[in-house]
Amino acid sequence: MTFPARVTSGFIEGGRSLDRCRSACVNIARIDHHSDQMLAAAENLRMQALSPLVPELMSERLRSKAEHLEELAAQHRATRITLGDGTTSE
């Protein structure tokens, strides 16, 4: 959750905002569904990168973005907390 006013003025005005989250924020929260969506998006990007119509530089960017999404999904899977015993899943 970000505080839009804090970014520009240094104080909170107007409350919290859920629509301005940044992926690098330490407070980011993901659920398994988000992880699944990231993997689906990565697969889509990899398919686009394979197209002969896509220039090589664009293909490299698409593959790089796909790899980043896969890393985020793997990080989520490795550090998620499950309801079973309160420990992280393996």
N, C-alpha and C. Protein backbone atom coordinates (compact mmCIF):
# COMPACT_ATOMS: atom_id res chain seq x y z
N MET A 1 0.83 -1.17 0.00
CA MET A 1 0.00 0.00 0.00
C MET A 1 0.89 1.24 0.00
N THR A 2 0.61 2.12 -0.91
CA THR A 2 1.41 3.34 -0.95
C THR A 2 0.64 4.52 -0.44
N PHE A 3 1.35 5.53 -0.08
CA PHE A 3 0.78 6.79 0.36
C PHE A 3 1.13 7.82 -0.69
N PRO A 4 0.22 8.11 -1.64
CA PRO A 4 0.53 9.01 -2.75
C PRO A 4 1.07 10.37 -2.31
N ALA A 5 0.52 10.95 -1.28
CA ALA A 5 0.96 12.28 -0.85
C ALA A 5 2.36 12.24 -0.26
N ARG A 6 2.71 11.12 0.36
CA ARG A 6 4.02 11.00 0.98
C ARG A 6 5.12 11.09 -0.07
N VAL A 7 4.86 10.57 -1.24
CA VAL A 7 5.85 10.55 -2.30
C VAL A 7 6.26 11.96 -2.69
N THR A 8 5.30 12.88 -2.72
CA THR A 8 5.61 14.23 -3.19
C THR A 8 5.79 15.25 -2.08
N SER A 9 5.03 15.13 -1.00
CA SER A 9 5.06 16.20 -0.01
C SER A 9 5.63 15.80 1.34
N GLY A 10 5.85 14.52 1.56
CA GLY A 10 6.43 14.09 2.81
C GLY A 10 5.42 13.85 3.91
N PHE A 11 4.13 14.04 3.66
CA PHE A 11 3.13 13.74 4.68
C PHE A 11 1.94 13.05 4.02
N ILE A 12 1.10 12.46 4.84
CA ILE A 12 -0.03 11.69 4.33
C ILE A 12 -1.26 12.58 4.21
N GLU A 13 -1.80 12.61 3.01
CA GLU A 13 -3.03 13.35 2.77
C GLU A 13 -3.89 12.50 1.85
N GLY A 14 -5.09 12.20 2.25
CA GLY A 14 -5.97 11.42 1.41
C GLY A 14 -5.90 9.92 1.65
N GLY A 15 -5.09 9.47 2.57
CA GLY A 15 -5.08 8.06 2.93
C GLY A 15 -4.26 7.19 2.00
N ARG A 16 -4.41 5.89 2.21
CA ARG A 16 -3.65 4.90 1.46
C ARG A 16 -4.27 4.64 0.11
N SER A 17 -3.46 4.12 -0.79
CA SER A 17 -3.93 3.81 -2.13
C SER A 17 -3.46 2.42 -2.53
N LEU A 18 -4.37 1.57 -2.94
CA LEU A 18 -4.02 0.22 -3.38
C LEU A 18 -3.67 0.16 -4.85
N ASP A 19 -3.94 1.21 -5.60
CA ASP A 19 -3.71 1.17 -7.03
C ASP A 19 -2.36 1.74 -7.46
N ARG A 20 -1.52 2.07 -6.51
CA ARG A 20 -0.21 2.62 -6.87
C ARG A 20 0.93 1.78 -6.30
N CYS A 21 0.69 0.50 -6.12
CA CYS A 21 1.73 -0.38 -5.57
C CYS A 21 2.88 -0.52 -6.56
N ARG A 22 4.07 -0.66 -6.01
CA ARG A 22 5.27 -0.86 -6.83
C ARG A 22 5.81 -2.25 -6.56
N SER A 23 6.22 -2.95 -7.61
CA SER A 23 6.66 -4.34 -7.46
C SER A 23 7.92 -4.46 -6.61
N ALA A 24 8.69 -3.40 -6.46
CA ALA A 24 9.91 -3.46 -5.65
C ALA A 24 9.66 -3.14 -4.18
N CYS A 25 8.45 -2.81 -3.83
CA CYS A 25 8.12 -2.44 -2.45
C CYS A 25 8.27 -3.64 -1.52
N VAL A 26 8.84 -3.41 -0.35
CA VAL A 26 9.01 -4.50 0.61
C VAL A 26 7.69 -4.98 1.18
N ASN A 27 6.65 -4.19 1.06
CA ASN A 27 5.34 -4.57 1.60
C ASN A 27 4.46 -5.29 0.58
N ILE A 28 5.01 -5.64 -0.58
CA ILE A 28 4.19 -6.27 -1.61
C ILE A 28 3.67 -7.61 -1.09
N ALA A 29 2.43 -7.88 -1.37
CA ALA A 29 1.81 -9.15 -0.96
C ALA A 29 1.30 -9.85 -2.21
N ARG A 30 1.67 -11.11 -2.35
CA ARG A 30 1.21 -11.90 -3.48
C ARG A 30 0.56 -13.17 -2.95
N ILE A 31 -0.43 -13.63 -3.70
CA ILE A 31 -1.06 -14.91 -3.37
C ILE A 31 -0.72 -15.88 -4.49
N ASP A 32 -1.03 -17.15 -4.29
CA ASP A 32 -0.71 -18.16 -5.29
C ASP A 32 -1.30 -17.82 -6.66
N HIS A 33 -2.47 -17.22 -6.66
CA HIS A 33 -3.10 -16.85 -7.93
C HIS A 33 -2.22 -15.85 -8.69
N HIS A 34 -1.62 -14.91 -7.97
CA HIS A 34 -0.72 -13.95 -8.62
C HIS A 34 0.47 -14.67 -9.23
N SER A 35 1.00 -15.63 -8.50
CA SER A 35 2.13 -16.41 -8.99
C SER A 35 1.76 -17.15 -10.27
N ASP A 36 0.58 -17.74 -10.28
CA ASP A 36 0.10 -18.45 -11.48
C ASP A 36 -0.05 -17.48 -12.65
N GLN A 37 -0.56 -16.28 -12.37
CA GLN A 37 -0.71 -15.28 -13.42
C GLN A 37 0.65 -14.85 -13.97
N MET A 38 1.65 -14.71 -13.10
CA MET A 38 2.98 -14.33 -13.55
C MET A 38 3.57 -15.42 -14.46
N LEU A 39 3.36 -16.68 -14.11
CA LEU A 39 3.87 -17.77 -14.94
C LEU A 39 3.16 -17.82 -16.29
N ALA A 40 1.86 -17.56 -16.30
CA ALA A 40 1.11 -17.53 -17.57
C ALA A 40 1.60 -16.38 -18.44
N ALA A 41 1.83 -15.22 -17.83
CA ALA A 41 2.32 -14.07 -18.58
C ALA A 41 3.72 -14.34 -19.13
N ALA A 42 4.55 -15.01 -18.34
CA ALA A 42 5.90 -15.35 -18.79
C ALA A 42 5.85 -16.29 -19.99
N GLU A 43 4.96 -17.26 -19.94
CA GLU A 43 4.80 -18.19 -21.06
C GLU A 43 4.34 -17.44 -22.31
N ASN A 44 3.40 -16.51 -22.13
CA ASN A 44 2.92 -15.70 -23.25
C ASN A 44 4.06 -14.89 -23.86
N LEU A 45 4.89 -14.27 -23.01
CA LEU A 45 6.02 -13.48 -23.50
C LEU A 45 7.02 -14.35 -24.23
N ARG A 46 7.27 -15.55 -23.73
CA ARG A 46 8.20 -16.46 -24.41
C ARG A 46 7.67 -16.88 -25.78
N MET A 47 6.37 -17.09 -25.88
CA MET A 47 5.77 -17.44 -27.18
C MET A 47 5.91 -16.28 -28.16
N GLN A 48 5.68 -15.06 -27.68
CA GLN A 48 5.85 -13.89 -28.54
C GLN A 48 7.29 -13.76 -29.00
N ALA A 49 8.23 -14.03 -28.12
CA ALA A 49 9.65 -13.91 -28.45
C ALA A 49 10.07 -14.89 -29.53
N LEU A 50 9.36 -16.01 -29.65
CA LEU A 50 9.69 -17.02 -30.66
C LEU A 50 9.20 -16.65 -32.06
N SER A 51 8.34 -15.67 -32.16
CA SER A 51 7.78 -15.30 -33.45
C SER A 51 8.86 -14.75 -34.38
N PRO A 52 8.88 -15.22 -35.62
CA PRO A 52 9.86 -14.70 -36.57
C PRO A 52 9.58 -13.24 -36.97
N LEU A 53 8.42 -12.74 -36.63
CA LEU A 53 8.06 -11.37 -36.96
C LEU A 53 8.58 -10.35 -35.95
N VAL A 54 9.04 -10.85 -34.80
CA VAL A 54 9.52 -9.97 -33.73
C VAL A 54 11.02 -9.72 -33.92
N PRO A 55 11.45 -8.46 -33.94
CA PRO A 55 12.88 -8.17 -34.07
C PRO A 55 13.68 -8.78 -32.91
N GLU A 56 14.94 -9.09 -33.17
CA GLU A 56 15.77 -9.77 -32.18
C GLU A 56 15.89 -9.00 -30.86
N LEU A 57 16.08 -7.68 -30.93
CA LEU A 57 16.18 -6.91 -29.69
C LEU A 57 14.90 -6.98 -28.86
N MET A 58 13.76 -6.94 -29.52
CA MET A 58 12.48 -7.07 -28.83
C MET A 58 12.35 -8.47 -28.25
N SER A 59 12.80 -9.48 -28.98
CA SER A 59 12.76 -10.86 -28.47
C SER A 59 13.57 -10.99 -27.20
N GLU A 60 14.74 -10.37 -27.19
CA GLU A 60 15.58 -10.42 -26.00
C GLU A 60 14.88 -9.78 -24.81
N ARG A 61 14.23 -8.63 -25.03
CA ARG A 61 13.51 -7.96 -23.94
C ARG A 61 12.35 -8.80 -23.45
N LEU A 62 11.63 -9.43 -24.37
CA LEU A 62 10.51 -10.28 -23.98
C LEU A 62 11.00 -11.47 -23.15
N ARG A 63 12.10 -12.09 -23.58
CA ARG A 63 12.65 -13.22 -22.82
C ARG A 63 13.14 -12.77 -21.44
N SER A 64 13.74 -11.59 -21.39
CA SER A 64 14.22 -11.06 -20.11
C SER A 64 13.07 -10.80 -19.16
N LYS A 65 12.00 -10.22 -19.67
CA LYS A 65 10.82 -9.95 -18.84
C LYS A 65 10.20 -11.27 -18.37
N ALA A 66 10.15 -12.26 -19.26
CA ALA A 66 9.60 -13.58 -18.90
C ALA A 66 10.43 -14.20 -17.78
N GLU A 67 11.75 -14.10 -17.91
CA GLU A 67 12.63 -14.65 -16.87
C GLU A 67 12.41 -13.95 -15.54
N HIS A 68 12.24 -12.64 -15.56
CA HIS A 68 12.00 -11.88 -14.34
C HIS A 68 10.69 -12.33 -13.68
N LEU A 69 9.64 -12.48 -14.47
CA LEU A 69 8.36 -12.93 -13.92
C LEU A 69 8.48 -14.34 -13.33
N GLU A 70 9.23 -15.21 -13.99
CA GLU A 70 9.42 -16.56 -13.48
C GLU A 70 10.20 -16.54 -12.16
N GLU A 71 11.17 -15.65 -12.06
CA GLU A 71 11.92 -15.52 -10.81
C GLU A 71 11.03 -15.03 -9.67
N LEU A 72 10.16 -14.05 -9.96
CA LEU A 72 9.24 -13.56 -8.94
C LEU A 72 8.29 -14.66 -8.48
N ALA A 73 7.78 -15.44 -9.44
CA ALA A 73 6.87 -16.54 -9.10
C ALA A 73 7.59 -17.59 -8.26
N ALA A 74 8.83 -17.91 -8.63
CA ALA A 74 9.61 -18.89 -7.87
C ALA A 74 9.90 -18.38 -6.46
N GLN A 75 10.20 -17.09 -6.36
CA GLN A 75 10.45 -16.50 -5.04
C GLN A 75 9.21 -16.59 -4.17
N HIS A 76 8.04 -16.33 -4.77
CA HIS A 76 6.79 -16.44 -4.01
C HIS A 76 6.59 -17.87 -3.53
N ARG A 77 6.77 -18.82 -4.43
CA ARG A 77 6.56 -20.23 -4.06
C ARG A 77 7.51 -20.66 -2.95
N ALA A 78 8.73 -20.13 -2.97
CA ALA A 78 9.73 -20.53 -1.98
C ALA A 78 9.51 -19.88 -0.62
N THR A 79 8.84 -18.73 -0.59
CA THR A 79 8.73 -18.00 0.68
C THR A 79 7.30 -17.83 1.18
N ARG A 80 6.35 -18.42 0.49
CA ARG A 80 4.96 -18.24 0.92
C ARG A 80 4.71 -18.91 2.26
N ILE A 81 3.74 -18.41 2.94
CA ILE A 81 3.34 -18.97 4.23
C ILE A 81 2.02 -19.71 4.01
N THR A 82 1.97 -20.94 4.48
CA THR A 82 0.75 -21.73 4.31
C THR A 82 -0.01 -21.79 5.62
N LEU A 83 -1.28 -22.14 5.53
CA LEU A 83 -2.12 -22.22 6.71
C LEU A 83 -1.87 -23.48 7.53
N GLY A 84 -1.26 -24.48 6.92
CA GLY A 84 -1.08 -25.76 7.59
C GLY A 84 -0.41 -25.68 8.94
N ASP A 85 0.84 -25.27 8.99
CA ASP A 85 1.56 -25.27 10.26
C ASP A 85 2.24 -23.93 10.55
N GLY A 86 1.97 -22.95 9.72
CA GLY A 86 2.55 -21.62 9.95
C GLY A 86 3.97 -21.48 9.45
N THR A 87 4.49 -22.49 8.78
CA THR A 87 5.84 -22.40 8.22
C THR A 87 5.77 -22.13 6.74
N THR A 88 6.90 -21.80 6.15
CA THR A 88 6.92 -21.59 4.70
C THR A 88 6.82 -22.93 4.02
N SER A 89 6.28 -22.89 2.80
CA SER A 89 6.11 -24.14 2.05
C SER A 89 7.42 -24.53 1.40
N GLU A 90 7.52 -25.77 1.00
CA GLU A 90 8.74 -26.25 0.36
C GLU A 90 8.46 -26.66 -1.04
